[in-house]
């Protein structure tokens, strides 16, 4: 079935394809930058890899509700009446960016209703129908990985210096720059090398919060310029904070800009990639270890050892620095193709695409579609609640084996099959775009199965990019910032989805399977006894899918040796290779101190193996270490993000900043612990003064994640007794816990 034939045909044949892919499918633009207020410079990399640039006139614009106010901003302002009945019906063009800025400011001050984009790059891409990277594959980008080794994490420390800069390119070139005559001379060599390499993208792990701010600060201190821009302009930090969308989270960071180049932070990208929550941390070494990317000869140097190793074993530090940029390259190749191929579709800058949320991208596609046809724009509906997907915890405990089935693209399939779209999509663009992307994803998946090597990577990147956008079409209906949102349509889709997944659950029960957890479009279950192999599981799920409409496809989405179900959306999976995956905020929250995260992992594994006594041993052993102050501060310290809101809401944090005279910028992070007197302190100032009573309470709270495994509170309390400074640990340990009923009976 060609899904593109199932969508409404309000649009002329071929227009949907032009809206999504543009009239210039091989433009190979790698960057766009404003120039002189009324021009745009397009940097283009030809098929031989050579770079050139072109200049075009650019007329900034906004969309308003009336034509009258705008001509007051001087000659050259023009207005155009857009077709249709939507309220944002007048397109206003300005001769220069400065005029647009003045008009936008005046509109805000007077309450004039408008729609506009604050980025000249995005205005140009929206207006021209162009996007970045058309006609290119990910391997065509010239990417540069950068990593610093320094004497301090704070560039303002009196002893702070850059010792080593490691660089690697996507072409395989590697460079090591070391401190020789002076830091200023090192930075000058770095600038010259970056200009020579001429990368399209500069990448690093935590590059927005450490490497580039450190370089900017040290350059300012030494009076050195950083002319990294393609037009010779210096690298610059943004005036305020931006936010990167990571699933449901929106995390602040201070952006940095380099003319003609894009900056990508793999620390952000790996969090966006880890939508399933498989990783327990996002530091570079932690990530490559969990993903199985650690090379056998990989060099490691602890952060607090860098200065000493620089003095005593410089070659070791250089190997370590090079291994860091090699790891960044590997993470980029893993995470960035999805964002790259989205940039070929969405009229936004690459940095914006790599940090922005899905609703913003769908909004950009819809606005471009309407403006390309000179159609007026609606206003966003006010937000309102509507039902969520069906979630149900059927059973708590340890189960084996466990299978997961999943309805493929549940919400997009409902929208296409039942014609559910935004009521304000008077152009009829929404469903045709969704259908086109869905069909192209299927084509890319088919091509990926028969391809190999670099060609397979291209198809995988494409299908992943399409998948992200496809799944965003439903979420956009309930996106408060979307001009074409429609909460009623989102509700209809959700309710239909609830009906379909409940149908799957009933079919599982009727076939003597045991559903464990249901969440929106998937079910974890113990299969019937006769289902013993992976092939059996796939055949069983295919048969199970016959209870659903023909346009819905039920897929086998995982097999696990065991599952520890604790509470709704909080569970632990154990695969056949012994790999443990923790899911859910109660098990993976960043607010859980490292020693307690480690306890959760060990306890989960031991519960899965029915090693109850080992869990209790772990609990008492950790309590003893806390009581005896045997834990290093890193085991119970926590990172806290600093901004004006946190300082205002957390008096203890504000007092710490004042007490220690800390100079913190919005978005900075501090490693903290709670002292015996209840005040917060920096881990750098640790003096064996942690609040033991607090940590013992935290241990009991964390053990409470397993409360559901016990039939009564008495059983739970006897297994995990409350500890205090006065508790006789030996006597408490020797007391035989109440026999566990139910799960452990």
Foldseek 3Di string as FASTA:
>chain_A
DQLLVLADPLDDPPLLVCLQQNPCQAQQFLDWDDDPFFKIKTWHQDPVRDIDIDIDGHWFKKFFQDDPPLPVLDPPKDWDAFDDDARRGIMITHRGNVSVVVVVVVCVVVVTDIGHDPDSLLRVCLVRSAFHRRNHFPLSFKEKEKDWQWQDQDLPPPRIATAWIWMAISVGDIDIQGDDPHRLVSLVVVLVVLLVSVGQEYEYACCQPGVPVSSVSVCVVVVHFRLNAPVRHGKAKDPDWAWFDQPPDTAITIDIDHHNHYYYHLLSQVSNVVNQQQAQDRDLVRVCVSVVNDDPPAQDDDSNCRVVCVVPPVVSNVSNNNSRRVSRVVSCLVGPLLLVLLRSGFSDDSNCSSGDDLLVRVLRSLVSSQVVNSHGFHAFDAADDADAADKDFDDFFKDFKKWKKFKPLQLLLCCSVVVQAFPRPPSSNLNSSLSVLVSLLVVLVVVLVPDDDPSNSRSVSSNSNSVSNNSVSLVNLNDRRHRRHPVVSNNVSRVVQNVQQVLLVVLQVVQVWAWGIDDRTMTMIHHPPVQDDPVSVQVVQQVSCVSDPPSIDMGTDDIFRMKGGQDTQWIWTAHPVRDIGTTDCLQRPLQQFQLLNVLSVVLRSCSNVVVLLVNLVSLLVVLVCLLVVVDQLSRGWHKDFDDPVCCVVPVLVVVQCVVVVPDDDHGDIFTWAAFCVRHIYGSVPDDSGGNSQVVLVSSLVSLCSRVRQAPDPQQSCLSNPRDGNPDPSVVSSPPDGDDGPDNRD
